[in-house]
C-alpha atoms as a PDB file:
ATOM      1  CA  UNK A   1      -1.491 -56.644  64.414  1.00  0.00           C
ATOM      2  CA  UNK A   2      -2.043 -56.332  60.587  1.00  0.00           C
ATOM      3  CA  UNK A   3      -4.420 -53.579  59.703  1.00  0.00           C
ATOM      4  CA  UNK A   4      -5.705 -52.685  56.139  1.00  0.00           C
ATOM      5  CA  UNK A   5      -6.915 -49.241  55.625  1.00  0.00           C
ATOM      6  CA  UNK A   6      -9.046 -48.423  52.569  1.00  0.00           C
ATOM      7  CA  UNK A   7      -9.349 -45.080  50.644  1.00  0.00           C
ATOM      8  CA  UNK A   8      -6.232 -43.580  51.774  1.00  0.00           C
ATOM      9  CA  UNK A   9      -5.096 -40.877  49.600  1.00  0.00           C
ATOM     10  CA  UNK A  10      -1.280 -40.327  48.909  1.00  0.00           C
ATOM     11  CA  UNK A  11      -1.290 -37.142  50.870  1.00  0.00           C
ATOM     12  CA  UNK A  12      -2.759 -38.828  54.003  1.00  0.00           C
ATOM     13  CA  UNK A  13      -0.209 -41.554  54.214  1.00  0.00           C
ATOM     14  CA  UNK A  14       2.176 -39.668  56.490  1.00  0.00           C
ATOM     15  CA  UNK A  15      -0.703 -38.856  58.794  1.00  0.00           C
ATOM     16  CA  UNK A  16      -1.453 -42.671  59.390  1.00  0.00           C
ATOM     17  CA  UNK A  17       2.291 -43.416  59.887  1.00  0.00           C
ATOM     18  CA  UNK A  18       2.455 -40.304  62.335  1.00  0.00           C
ATOM     19  CA  UNK A  19      -0.433 -41.567  64.515  1.00  0.00           C
ATOM     20  CA  UNK A  20       0.454 -45.257  64.646  1.00  0.00           C
ATOM     21  CA  UNK A  21       1.345 -45.218  68.206  1.00  0.00           C
ATOM     22  CA  UNK A  22       0.328 -48.863  68.569  1.00  0.00           C
ATOM     23  CA  UNK A  23       2.803 -50.028  66.093  1.00  0.00           C
ATOM     24  CA  UNK A  24       0.152 -51.784  63.905  1.00  0.00           C
ATOM     25  CA  UNK A  25       1.298 -53.415  60.618  1.00  0.00           C
ATOM     26  CA  UNK A  26      -0.298 -50.950  58.226  1.00  0.00           C
ATOM     27  CA  UNK A  27      -1.436 -51.745  54.634  1.00  0.00           C
ATOM     28  CA  UNK A  28      -2.625 -48.442  53.313  1.00  0.00           C
ATOM     29  CA  UNK A  29      -4.505 -48.733  49.952  1.00  0.00           C
ATOM     30  CA  UNK A  30      -6.254 -45.884  47.754  1.00  0.00           C
ATOM     31  CA  UNK A  31      -8.803 -48.503  46.601  1.00  0.00           C
ATOM     32  CA  UNK A  32     -12.446 -48.479  47.906  1.00  0.00           C
ATOM     33  CA  UNK A  33     -13.584 -51.620  49.703  1.00  0.00           C
ATOM     34  CA  UNK A  34     -16.407 -53.825  47.785  1.00  0.00           C
ATOM     35  CA  UNK A  35     -17.082 -57.117  46.981  1.00  0.00           C
ATOM     36  CA  UNK A  36     -14.950 -57.072  43.745  1.00  0.00           C
ATOM     37  CA  UNK A  37     -11.819 -56.710  45.663  1.00  0.00           C
ATOM     38  CA  UNK A  38     -12.323 -58.640  48.905  1.00  0.00           C
ATOM     39  CA  UNK A  39      -9.117 -60.382  48.470  1.00  0.00           C
ATOM     40  CA  UNK A  40      -7.043 -57.386  49.584  1.00  0.00           C
ATOM     41  CA  UNK A  41      -8.178 -58.091  53.360  1.00  0.00           C
ATOM     42  CA  UNK A  42      -6.580 -61.529  53.332  1.00  0.00           C
ATOM     43  CA  UNK A  43      -4.041 -62.064  55.965  1.00  0.00           C
ATOM     44  CA  UNK A  44      -5.212 -58.878  58.098  1.00  0.00           C
ATOM     45  CA  UNK A  45      -6.596 -58.834  61.759  1.00  0.00           C
ATOM     46  CA  UNK A  46      -8.561 -55.578  61.149  1.00  0.00           C
ATOM     47  CA  UNK A  47      -9.957 -53.290  58.559  1.00  0.00           C
ATOM     48  CA  UNK A  48     -10.505 -49.596  58.785  1.00  0.00           C
ATOM     49  CA  UNK A  49     -12.890 -47.924  56.118  1.00  0.00           C
ATOM     50  CA  UNK A  50     -14.116 -44.513  55.049  1.00  0.00           C
ATOM     51  CA  UNK A  51     -17.603 -43.357  53.619  1.00  0.00           C
ATOM     52  CA  UNK A  52     -16.763 -44.283  50.034  1.00  0.00           C
ATOM     53  CA  UNK A  53     -16.481 -48.163  51.058  1.00  0.00           C
ATOM     54  CA  UNK A  54     -19.419 -50.572  50.885  1.00  0.00           C
ATOM     55  CA  UNK A  55     -19.359 -52.759  53.818  1.00  0.00           C
ATOM     56  CA  UNK A  56     -22.501 -54.818  52.982  1.00  0.00           C
ATOM     57  CA  UNK A  57     -23.537 -58.604  53.623  1.00  0.00           C
ATOM     58  CA  UNK A  58     -21.186 -60.013  51.066  1.00  0.00           C
ATOM     59  CA  UNK A  59     -18.259 -58.018  52.542  1.00  0.00           C
ATOM     60  CA  UNK A  60     -18.951 -58.951  55.959  1.00  0.00           C
ATOM     61  CA  UNK A  61     -19.549 -62.652  55.277  1.00  0.00           C
ATOM     62  CA  UNK A  62     -16.039 -62.670  53.656  1.00  0.00           C
ATOM     63  CA  UNK A  63     -14.319 -60.882  56.508  1.00  0.00           C
ATOM     64  CA  UNK A  64     -15.987 -63.526  58.920  1.00  0.00           C
ATOM     65  CA  UNK A  65     -14.728 -66.247  56.846  1.00  0.00           C
ATOM     66  CA  UNK A  66     -11.230 -64.889  56.930  1.00  0.00           C
ATOM     67  CA  UNK A  67     -11.383 -64.725  60.767  1.00  0.00           C
ATOM     68  CA  UNK A  68     -11.137 -60.864  60.733  1.00  0.00           C
ATOM     69  CA  UNK A  69     -12.801 -59.622  64.036  1.00  0.00           C
ATOM     70  CA  UNK A  70     -12.823 -55.714  63.424  1.00  0.00           C
ATOM     71  CA  UNK A  71     -14.263 -53.514  60.886  1.00  0.00           C
ATOM     72  CA  UNK A  72     -14.119 -49.799  61.788  1.00  0.00           C
ATOM     73  CA  UNK A  73     -15.097 -46.684  59.946  1.00  0.00           C
ATOM     74  CA  UNK A  74     -12.965 -43.540  60.307  1.00  0.00           C
ATOM     75  CA  UNK A  75     -16.236 -41.496  59.686  1.00  0.00           C
ATOM     76  CA  UNK A  76     -18.985 -40.090  62.253  1.00  0.00           C
ATOM     77  CA  UNK A  77     -21.749 -41.496  59.779  1.00  0.00           C
ATOM     78  CA  UNK A  78     -22.087 -45.056  59.017  1.00  0.00           C
ATOM     79  CA  UNK A  79     -24.985 -45.723  56.546  1.00  0.00           C
ATOM     80  CA  UNK A  80     -22.185 -47.500  54.430  1.00  0.00           C
ATOM     81  CA  UNK A  81     -21.988 -50.304  56.616  1.00  0.00           C
ATOM     82  CA  UNK A  82     -24.654 -52.882  57.363  1.00  0.00           C
ATOM     83  CA  UNK A  83     -24.342 -52.614  61.204  1.00  0.00           C
ATOM     84  CA  UNK A  84     -27.281 -54.898  62.088  1.00  0.00           C
ATOM     85  CA  UNK A  85     -25.806 -57.774  60.185  1.00  0.00           C
ATOM     86  CA  UNK A  86     -22.281 -57.143  61.210  1.00  0.00           C
ATOM     87  CA  UNK A  87     -23.233 -57.373  64.901  1.00  0.00           C
ATOM     88  CA  UNK A  88     -25.374 -60.383  64.251  1.00  0.00           C
ATOM     89  CA  UNK A  89     -22.180 -62.481  62.970  1.00  0.00           C
ATOM     90  CA  UNK A  90     -19.963 -60.939  65.882  1.00  0.00           C
ATOM     91  CA  UNK A  91     -17.691 -58.627  63.927  1.00  0.00           C
ATOM     92  CA  UNK A  92     -16.692 -55.717  66.200  1.00  0.00           C
ATOM     93  CA  UNK A  93     -17.509 -52.459  64.750  1.00  0.00           C
ATOM     94  CA  UNK A  94     -16.884 -48.556  65.757  1.00  0.00           C
ATOM     95  CA  UNK A  95     -17.034 -45.157  64.346  1.00  0.00           C
ATOM     96  CA  UNK A  96     -15.233 -41.988  65.356  1.00  0.00           C
ATOM     97  CA  UNK A  97     -17.310 -39.778  67.549  1.00  0.00           C
ATOM     98  CA  UNK A  98     -16.255 -36.586  65.757  1.00  0.00           C
ATOM     99  CA  UNK A  99     -13.432 -34.604  64.026  1.00  0.00           C
ATOM    100  CA  UNK A 100     -12.539 -31.067  63.305  1.00  0.00           C
ATOM    101  CA  UNK A 101     -15.962 -29.280  62.964  1.00  0.00           C
ATOM    102  CA  UNK A 102     -13.944 -26.299  61.454  1.00  0.00           C
ATOM    103  CA  UNK A 103     -13.115 -28.379  58.383  1.00  0.00           C
ATOM    104  CA  UNK A 104     -16.739 -28.674  57.436  1.00  0.00           C
ATOM    105  CA  UNK A 105     -17.593 -25.121  58.715  1.00  0.00           C
ATOM    106  CA  UNK A 106     -14.969 -23.667  56.212  1.00  0.00           C
ATOM    107  CA  UNK A 107     -16.538 -25.061  53.141  1.00  0.00           C
ATOM    108  CA  UNK A 108     -20.076 -24.032  54.096  1.00  0.00           C
ATOM    109  CA  UNK A 109     -18.967 -20.502  54.872  1.00  0.00           C
ATOM    110  CA  UNK A 110     -16.716 -20.455  51.534  1.00  0.00           C
ATOM    111  CA  UNK A 111     -19.379 -21.741  49.529  1.00  0.00           C
ATOM    112  CA  UNK A 112     -21.983 -19.107  50.954  1.00  0.00           C
ATOM    113  CA  UNK A 113     -19.692 -16.351  50.370  1.00  0.00           C
ATOM    114  CA  UNK A 114     -18.762 -17.387  46.921  1.00  0.00           C
ATOM    115  CA  UNK A 115     -22.562 -17.424  46.023  1.00  0.00           C
ATOM    116  CA  UNK A 116     -23.649 -14.500  47.897  1.00  0.00           C
ATOM    117  CA  UNK A 117     -20.860 -12.056  46.894  1.00  0.00           C
ATOM    118  CA  UNK A 118     -20.987 -13.577  43.486  1.00  0.00           C
ATOM    119  CA  UNK A 119     -17.200 -14.450  43.479  1.00  0.00           C
ATOM    120  CA  UNK A 120     -17.832 -17.757  41.388  1.00  0.00           C
ATOM    121  CA  UNK A 121     -19.794 -15.552  38.890  1.00  0.00           C
ATOM    122  CA  UNK A 122     -17.211 -13.080  38.335  1.00  0.00           C
ATOM    123  CA  UNK A 123     -14.337 -15.474  38.378  1.00  0.00           C
ATOM    124  CA  UNK A 124     -16.085 -17.665  35.743  1.00  0.00           C
ATOM    125  CA  UNK A 125     -16.712 -14.552  33.661  1.00  0.00           C
ATOM    126  CA  UNK A 126     -12.931 -13.331  33.861  1.00  0.00           C
ATOM    127  CA  UNK A 127     -11.881 -17.090  33.019  1.00  0.00           C
ATOM    128  CA  UNK A 128     -13.871 -16.386  29.833  1.00  0.00           C
ATOM    129  CA  UNK A 129     -12.400 -12.850  29.458  1.00  0.00           C
ATOM    130  CA  UNK A 130     -15.470 -11.007  30.336  1.00  0.00           C
ATOM    131  CA  UNK A 131     -14.863  -8.322  33.060  1.00  0.00           C
ATOM    132  CA  UNK A 132     -18.254  -6.713  32.712  1.00  0.00           C
ATOM    133  CA  UNK A 133     -19.706  -5.826  36.014  1.00  0.00           C
ATOM    134  CA  UNK A 134     -23.334  -6.873  35.471  1.00  0.00           C
ATOM    135  CA  UNK A 135     -26.413  -6.378  37.546  1.00  0.00           C
ATOM    136  CA  UNK A 136     -26.533 -10.047  38.570  1.00  0.00           C
ATOM    137  CA  UNK A 137     -23.216  -9.413  40.559  1.00  0.00           C
ATOM    138  CA  UNK A 138     -24.884  -6.692  42.798  1.00  0.00           C
ATOM    139  CA  UNK A 139     -24.609  -8.143  46.259  1.00  0.00           C
ATOM    140  CA  UNK A 140     -26.102  -8.067  49.798  1.00  0.00           C
ATOM    141  CA  UNK A 141     -23.376  -7.756  52.545  1.00  0.00           C
ATOM    142  CA  UNK A 142     -23.029 -10.517  54.822  1.00  0.00           C
ATOM    143  CA  UNK A 143     -23.390  -8.260  57.822  1.00  0.00           C
ATOM    144  CA  UNK A 144     -26.757  -7.403  56.337  1.00  0.00           C
ATOM    145  CA  UNK A 145     -27.825 -10.979  56.058  1.00  0.00           C
ATOM    146  CA  UNK A 146     -29.613 -13.485  58.091  1.00  0.00           C
ATOM    147  CA  UNK A 147     -28.106 -17.009  58.078  1.00  0.00           C
ATOM    148  CA  UNK A 148     -30.034 -19.909  59.160  1.00  0.00           C
ATOM    149  CA  UNK A 149     -28.340 -23.015  60.688  1.00  0.00           C
ATOM    150  CA  UNK A 150     -30.314 -26.280  60.583  1.00  0.00           C
ATOM    151  CA  UNK A 151     -28.600 -28.601  63.071  1.00  0.00           C
ATOM    152  CA  UNK A 152     -26.693 -26.949  65.761  1.00  0.00           C
ATOM    153  CA  UNK A 153     -24.219 -29.479  66.888  1.00  0.00           C
ATOM    154  CA  UNK A 154     -20.641 -29.256  66.800  1.00  0.00           C
ATOM    155  CA  UNK A 155     -20.271 -28.552  63.057  1.00  0.00           C
ATOM    156  CA  UNK A 156     -23.347 -26.355  62.943  1.00  0.00           C
ATOM    157  CA  UNK A 157     -22.129 -24.246  65.988  1.00  0.00           C
ATOM    158  CA  UNK A 158     -18.684 -23.869  64.411  1.00  0.00           C
ATOM    159  CA  UNK A 159     -20.371 -22.674  61.119  1.00  0.00           C
ATOM    160  CA  UNK A 160     -22.595 -20.315  63.132  1.00  0.00           C
ATOM    161  CA  UNK A 161     -19.604 -18.765  64.851  1.00  0.00           C
ATOM    162  CA  UNK A 162     -18.033 -18.273  61.622  1.00  0.00           C
ATOM    163  CA  UNK A 163     -20.919 -16.305  60.222  1.00  0.00           C
ATOM    164  CA  UNK A 164     -21.463 -14.321  63.211  1.00  0.00           C
ATOM    165  CA  UNK A 165     -17.749 -13.312  63.011  1.00  0.00           C
ATOM    166  CA  UNK A 166     -18.716 -12.011  59.667  1.00  0.00           C
ATOM    167  CA  UNK A 167     -21.404  -9.912  61.079  1.00  0.00           C
ATOM    168  CA  UNK A 168     -24.414 -11.901  60.038  1.00  0.00           C
ATOM    169  CA  UNK A 169     -27.283 -12.484  62.163  1.00  0.00           C
ATOM    170  CA  UNK A 170     -27.668 -16.126  62.741  1.00  0.00           C
ATOM    171  CA  UNK A 171     -30.500 -18.258  63.817  1.00  0.00           C
ATOM    172  CA  UNK A 172     -30.876 -21.832  64.216  1.00  0.00           C
ATOM    173  CA  UNK A 173     -33.158 -24.869  64.264  1.00  0.00           C
ATOM    174  CA  UNK A 174     -32.696 -28.123  66.080  1.00  0.00           C
ATOM    175  CA  UNK A 175     -34.832 -30.661  67.679  1.00  0.00           C
ATOM    176  CA  UNK A 176     -32.448 -30.778  70.760  1.00  0.00           C
ATOM    177  CA  UNK A 177     -31.459 -26.997  71.635  1.00  0.00           C
ATOM    178  CA  UNK A 178     -27.775 -26.500  72.930  1.00  0.00           C
ATOM    179  CA  UNK A 179     -27.113 -23.935  75.750  1.00  0.00           C
ATOM    180  CA  UNK A 180     -23.744 -23.282  74.173  1.00  0.00           C
ATOM    181  CA  UNK A 181     -25.275 -22.666  70.784  1.00  0.00           C
ATOM    182  CA  UNK A 182     -27.777 -20.125  72.338  1.00  0.00           C
ATOM    183  CA  UNK A 183     -24.663 -17.959  73.141  1.00  0.00           C
ATOM    184  CA  UNK A 184     -24.174 -17.571  69.325  1.00  0.00           C
ATOM    185  CA  UNK A 185     -27.631 -17.840  67.632  1.00  0.00           C
ATOM    186  CA  UNK A 186     -31.206 -17.589  68.492  1.00  0.00           C
ATOM    187  CA  UNK A 187     -33.531 -20.563  67.891  1.00  0.00           C
ATOM    188  CA  UNK A 188     -36.628 -20.173  65.731  1.00  0.00           C
ATOM    189  CA  UNK A 189     -39.275 -22.603  64.559  1.00  0.00           C
ATOM    190  CA  UNK A 190     -38.285 -24.307  61.289  1.00  0.00           C
ATOM    191  CA  UNK A 191     -40.850 -22.231  59.209  1.00  0.00           C
ATOM    192  CA  UNK A 192     -39.599 -19.088  60.759  1.00  0.00           C
ATOM    193  CA  UNK A 193     -36.115 -19.868  59.974  1.00  0.00           C
ATOM    194  CA  UNK A 194     -37.045 -20.740  56.358  1.00  0.00           C
ATOM    195  CA  UNK A 195     -38.916 -17.500  56.025  1.00  0.00           C
ATOM    196  CA  UNK A 196     -36.118 -15.292  57.321  1.00  0.00           C
ATOM    197  CA  UNK A 197     -32.972 -16.801  56.075  1.00  0.00           C
ATOM    198  CA  UNK A 198     -30.922 -15.050  53.194  1.00  0.00           C
ATOM    199  CA  UNK A 199     -28.649 -18.351  53.534  1.00  0.00           C
ATOM    200  CA  UNK A 200     -29.424 -21.699  54.992  1.00  0.00           C
ATOM    201  CA  UNK A 201     -26.684 -24.100  55.960  1.00  0.00           C
ATOM    202  CA  UNK A 202     -27.315 -27.771  56.941  1.00  0.00           C
ATOM    203  CA  UNK A 203     -25.424 -29.754  59.545  1.00  0.00           C
ATOM    204  CA  UNK A 204     -27.829 -32.592  60.301  1.00  0.00           C
ATOM    205  CA  UNK A 205     -27.159 -36.504  60.216  1.00  0.00           C
ATOM    206  CA  UNK A 206     -28.851 -38.600  57.451  1.00  0.00           C
ATOM    207  CA  UNK A 207     -31.415 -40.890  59.537  1.00  0.00           C
ATOM    208  CA  UNK A 208     -32.801 -43.512  56.811  1.00  0.00           C
ATOM    209  CA  UNK A 209     -36.436 -43.571  56.811  1.00  0.00           C
ATOM    210  CA  UNK A 210     -36.867 -40.370  58.782  1.00  0.00           C
ATOM    211  CA  UNK A 211     -35.353 -37.378  56.829  1.00  0.00           C
ATOM    212  CA  UNK A 212     -34.823 -38.750  53.212  1.00  0.00           C
ATOM    213  CA  UNK A 213     -35.122 -35.912  50.661  1.00  0.00           C
ATOM    214  CA  UNK A 214     -35.867 -33.518  53.805  1.00  0.00           C
ATOM    215  CA  UNK A 215     -34.834 -30.650  51.370  1.00  0.00           C
ATOM    216  CA  UNK A 216     -37.644 -31.059  48.846  1.00  0.00           C
ATOM    217  CA  UNK A 217     -40.045 -28.964  46.975  1.00  0.00           C
ATOM    218  CA  UNK A 218     -42.248 -28.009  49.788  1.00  0.00           C
ATOM    219  CA  UNK A 219     -39.188 -27.178  51.955  1.00  0.00           C
ATOM    220  CA  UNK A 220     -37.834 -24.965  49.265  1.00  0.00           C
ATOM    221  CA  UNK A 221     -41.185 -23.197  48.516  1.00  0.00           C
ATOM    222  CA  UNK A 222     -41.024 -22.139  52.354  1.00  0.00           C
ATOM    223  CA  UNK A 223     -37.618 -20.537  51.786  1.00  0.00           C
ATOM    224  CA  UNK A 224     -37.149 -16.847  51.249  1.00  0.00           C
ATOM    225  CA  UNK A 225     -37.004 -15.748  47.704  1.00  0.00           C
ATOM    226  CA  UNK A 226     -33.558 -15.449  46.157  1.00  0.00           C
ATOM    227  CA  UNK A 227     -31.921 -17.355  49.098  1.00  0.00           C
ATOM    228  CA  UNK A 228     -28.857 -19.569  49.227  1.00  0.00           C
ATOM    229  CA  UNK A 229     -29.039 -23.265  50.104  1.00  0.00           C
ATOM    230  CA  UNK A 230     -25.653 -24.989  51.633  1.00  0.00           C
ATOM    231  CA  UNK A 231     -25.579 -28.716  52.211  1.00  0.00           C
ATOM    232  CA  UNK A 232     -22.369 -29.921  53.474  1.00  0.00           C
ATOM    233  CA  UNK A 233     -24.147 -32.733  55.609  1.00  0.00           C
ATOM    234  CA  UNK A 234     -25.462 -35.782  53.599  1.00  0.00           C
ATOM    235  CA  UNK A 235     -26.879 -36.043  50.149  1.00  0.00           C
ATOM    236  CA  UNK A 236     -29.596 -38.354  51.058  1.00  0.00           C
ATOM    237  CA  UNK A 237     -31.551 -35.484  53.009  1.00  0.00           C
ATOM    238  CA  UNK A 238     -31.576 -33.335  49.558  1.00  0.00           C
ATOM    239  CA  UNK A 239     -33.955 -33.822  46.513  1.00  0.00           C
ATOM    240  CA  UNK A 240     -31.628 -32.757  43.851  1.00  0.00           C
ATOM    241  CA  UNK A 241     -34.545 -32.401  41.298  1.00  0.00           C
ATOM    242  CA  UNK A 242     -36.295 -29.921  43.565  1.00  0.00           C
ATOM    243  CA  UNK A 243     -33.041 -27.833  44.037  1.00  0.00           C
ATOM    244  CA  UNK A 244     -32.625 -27.749  40.153  1.00  0.00           C
ATOM    245  CA  UNK A 245     -36.100 -26.603  39.705  1.00  0.00           C
ATOM    246  CA  UNK A 246     -35.720 -23.947  42.373  1.00  0.00           C
ATOM    247  CA  UNK A 247     -32.529 -22.614  40.599  1.00  0.00           C
ATOM    248  CA  UNK A 248     -34.169 -22.550  37.026  1.00  0.00           C
ATOM    249  CA  UNK A 249     -37.205 -20.842  38.405  1.00  0.00           C
ATOM    250  CA  UNK A 250     -35.102 -18.243  40.299  1.00  0.00           C
ATOM    251  CA  UNK A 251     -36.505 -19.174  43.561  1.00  0.00           C
ATOM    252  CA  UNK A 252     -33.124 -20.037  44.992  1.00  0.00           C
ATOM    253  CA  UNK A 253     -30.116 -17.666  44.094  1.00  0.00           C
ATOM    254  CA  UNK A 254     -27.801 -20.407  44.305  1.00  0.00           C
ATOM    255  CA  UNK A 255     -26.861 -23.801  45.849  1.00  0.00           C
ATOM    256  CA  UNK A 256     -23.547 -24.979  47.434  1.00  0.00           C
ATOM    257  CA  UNK A 257     -23.475 -28.805  47.547  1.00  0.00           C
ATOM    258  CA  UNK A 258     -20.433 -30.721  49.210  1.00  0.00           C
ATOM    259  CA  UNK A 259     -22.774 -33.964  49.025  1.00  0.00           C
ATOM    260  CA  UNK A 260     -24.803 -35.784  46.341  1.00  0.00           C
ATOM    261  CA  UNK A 261     -27.503 -38.220  46.959  1.00  0.00           C
ATOM    262  CA  UNK A 262     -25.947 -41.071  45.226  1.00  0.00           C
ATOM    263  CA  UNK A 263     -22.296 -39.834  45.481  1.00  0.00           C
ATOM    264  CA  UNK A 264     -20.600 -43.173  45.688  1.00  0.00           C
ATOM    265  CA  UNK A 265     -21.358 -43.292  41.848  1.00  0.00           C
ATOM    266  CA  UNK A 266     -19.501 -40.122  41.212  1.00  0.00           C
ATOM    267  CA  UNK A 267     -17.023 -38.847  43.740  1.00  0.00           C
ATOM    268  CA  UNK A 268     -13.485 -39.883  43.626  1.00  0.00           C
ATOM    269  CA  UNK A 269     -13.737 -40.841  39.956  1.00  0.00           C
ATOM    270  CA  UNK A 270     -12.788 -39.055  36.700  1.00  0.00           C
ATOM    271  CA  UNK A 271     -15.999 -39.340  34.613  1.00  0.00           C
ATOM    272  CA  UNK A 272     -16.603 -38.504  31.078  1.00  0.00           C
ATOM    273  CA  UNK A 273     -20.322 -37.861  31.586  1.00  0.00           C
ATOM    274  CA  UNK A 274     -23.145 -38.417  34.180  1.00  0.00           C
ATOM    275  CA  UNK A 275     -26.060 -40.810  33.652  1.00  0.00           C
ATOM    276  CA  UNK A 276     -28.161 -38.764  36.063  1.00  0.00           C
ATOM    277  CA  UNK A 277     -29.688 -36.015  33.981  1.00  0.00           C
ATOM    278  CA  UNK A 278     -30.636 -33.971  37.054  1.00  0.00           C
ATOM    279  CA  UNK A 279     -26.970 -33.959  38.281  1.00  0.00           C
ATOM    280  CA  UNK A 280     -25.758 -33.146  34.844  1.00  0.00           C
ATOM    281  CA  UNK A 281     -27.926 -30.094  34.618  1.00  0.00           C
ATOM    282  CA  UNK A 282     -26.985 -28.899  38.136  1.00  0.00           C
ATOM    283  CA  UNK A 283     -23.345 -28.884  37.149  1.00  0.00           C
ATOM    284  CA  UNK A 284     -24.180 -26.961  34.033  1.00  0.00           C
ATOM    285  CA  UNK A 285     -25.616 -24.334  36.336  1.00  0.00           C
ATOM    286  CA  UNK A 286     -22.122 -23.353  37.659  1.00  0.00           C
ATOM    287  CA  UNK A 287     -21.477 -20.468  38.937  1.00  0.00           C
ATOM    288  CA  UNK A 288     -24.986 -20.582  40.594  1.00  0.00           C
ATOM    289  CA  UNK A 289     -24.526 -24.287  41.650  1.00  0.00           C
ATOM    290  CA  UNK A 290     -21.185 -25.152  43.234  1.00  0.00           C
ATOM    291  CA  UNK A 291     -20.355 -28.751  43.734  1.00  0.00           C
ATOM    292  CA  UNK A 292     -17.695 -30.474  45.364  1.00  0.00           C
ATOM    293  CA  UNK A 293     -16.942 -34.067  45.922  1.00  0.00           C
ATOM    294  CA  UNK A 294     -17.571 -34.193  49.715  1.00  0.00           C
ATOM    295  CA  UNK A 295     -14.346 -32.454  50.799  1.00  0.00           C
ATOM    296  CA  UNK A 296     -15.497 -30.994  54.093  1.00  0.00           C
ATOM    297  CA  UNK A 297     -13.182 -33.291  56.078  1.00  0.00           C
ATOM    298  CA  UNK A 298     -10.230 -33.113  53.600  1.00  0.00           C
ATOM    299  CA  UNK A 299      -7.993 -31.303  55.865  1.00  0.00           C
ATOM    300  CA  UNK A 300      -4.732 -31.991  57.898  1.00  0.00           C
ATOM    301  CA  UNK A 301      -6.882 -31.912  61.379  1.00  0.00           C
ATOM    302  CA  UNK A 302      -9.843 -33.650  60.287  1.00  0.00           C
ATOM    303  CA  UNK A 303      -7.717 -36.603  58.895  1.00  0.00           C
ATOM    304  CA  UNK A 304      -5.621 -36.715  61.771  1.00  0.00           C
ATOM    305  CA  UNK A 305      -8.561 -36.821  64.064  1.00  0.00           C
ATOM    306  CA  UNK A 306     -10.213 -39.698  62.152  1.00  0.00           C
ATOM    307  CA  UNK A 307      -6.987 -41.732  61.923  1.00  0.00           C
ATOM    308  CA  UNK A 308      -6.318 -41.453  65.807  1.00  0.00           C
ATOM    309  CA  UNK A 309      -9.831 -42.062  67.031  1.00  0.00           C
ATOM    310  CA  UNK A 310      -9.873 -45.188  64.552  1.00  0.00           C
ATOM    311  CA  UNK A 311      -6.362 -46.566  66.063  1.00  0.00           C
ATOM    312  CA  UNK A 312      -7.691 -45.967  69.656  1.00  0.00           C
ATOM    313  CA  UNK A 313     -11.000 -47.692  68.916  1.00  0.00           C
ATOM    314  CA  UNK A 314      -9.170 -50.722  67.626  1.00  0.00           C
ATOM    315  CA  UNK A 315      -6.796 -50.826  70.571  1.00  0.00           C
ATOM    316  CA  UNK A 316      -9.843 -50.444  73.049  1.00  0.00           C
ATOM    317  CA  UNK A 317     -11.394 -53.421  71.403  1.00  0.00           C
ATOM    318  CA  UNK A 318      -8.218 -55.639  71.483  1.00  0.00           C
ATOM    319  CA  UNK A 319      -7.300 -54.797  75.183  1.00  0.00           C
ATOM    320  CA  UNK A 320     -10.784 -54.402  76.683  1.00  0.00           C
ATOM    321  CA  UNK A 321     -12.991 -56.431  74.216  1.00  0.00           C
ATOM    322  CA  UNK A 322     -15.475 -53.403  74.251  1.00  0.00           C
ATOM    323  CA  UNK A 323     -15.246 -49.948  72.758  1.00  0.00           C
ATOM    324  CA  UNK A 324     -17.055 -46.762  73.874  1.00  0.00           C
ATOM    325  CA  UNK A 325     -17.459 -45.781  70.028  1.00  0.00           C
ATOM    326  CA  UNK A 326     -19.001 -49.111  69.015  1.00  0.00           C
ATOM    327  CA  UNK A 327     -21.817 -49.265  66.740  1.00  0.00           C
END
């Protein structure tokens, strides 16, 4: 079976080869799939994509025309795919159920520590040959801090455990409370969490039409003054202008963002400038604002999980005509 995998970085290629236990004929390309390079799928039986790929109606129509039956994503989220249309024309689609929660948790905790202990601030000053220990750098220790986790699934729980290991008081909010999470954190109402937390870390999925711009002006106004906001979940849940205004007004001490609302326009590209003035201003606020190009899952274990699940999903479809991770 011939399988083309999009968005494969050079460092990831050995992982694809290592976990190819079904002996697929692999085409590994660093290109992102879009309507402009559809010819790359010609001659293949299946397609495996990532979040940076755009699997819209035009792509799916072409795939159907070429008699390609399978389009799978090696991500948990699938808002980059037109699932309803794909299903309506008989394309078999699937996602990965999970991957290393530690990978994302590490980024969330690292950003929080860099901001709370002012590591980014002092490193930036040192880069500019300024070694003055200023008043902005005075910090509250993490063991004296309260950390709020919004979304206590696998990733949120891994993040909570790390903060607890650093001595922080950890509280959480989730519509669905987990008995496992209760061993690590205390659940609070959302308003209480916002009021009490020195650091808030987001680990919730994006649900279109339900939690768009969940992190907005009203939300931030309820947060504790001089607190830190971390979002390693999805960019669509944040209003970046509201975050910018909160930093400029000193409502927030800092923000760590591994995601942006329209990140497909920016991430995995070398740009000379941003047309979005809000993003420009957020970037200019480094070291109080840390932005990374959605690197939470960019680790050896997370990529291995994604690849292995994707290959297993495809094999399950081929051998049983169904898949437990279908979408």
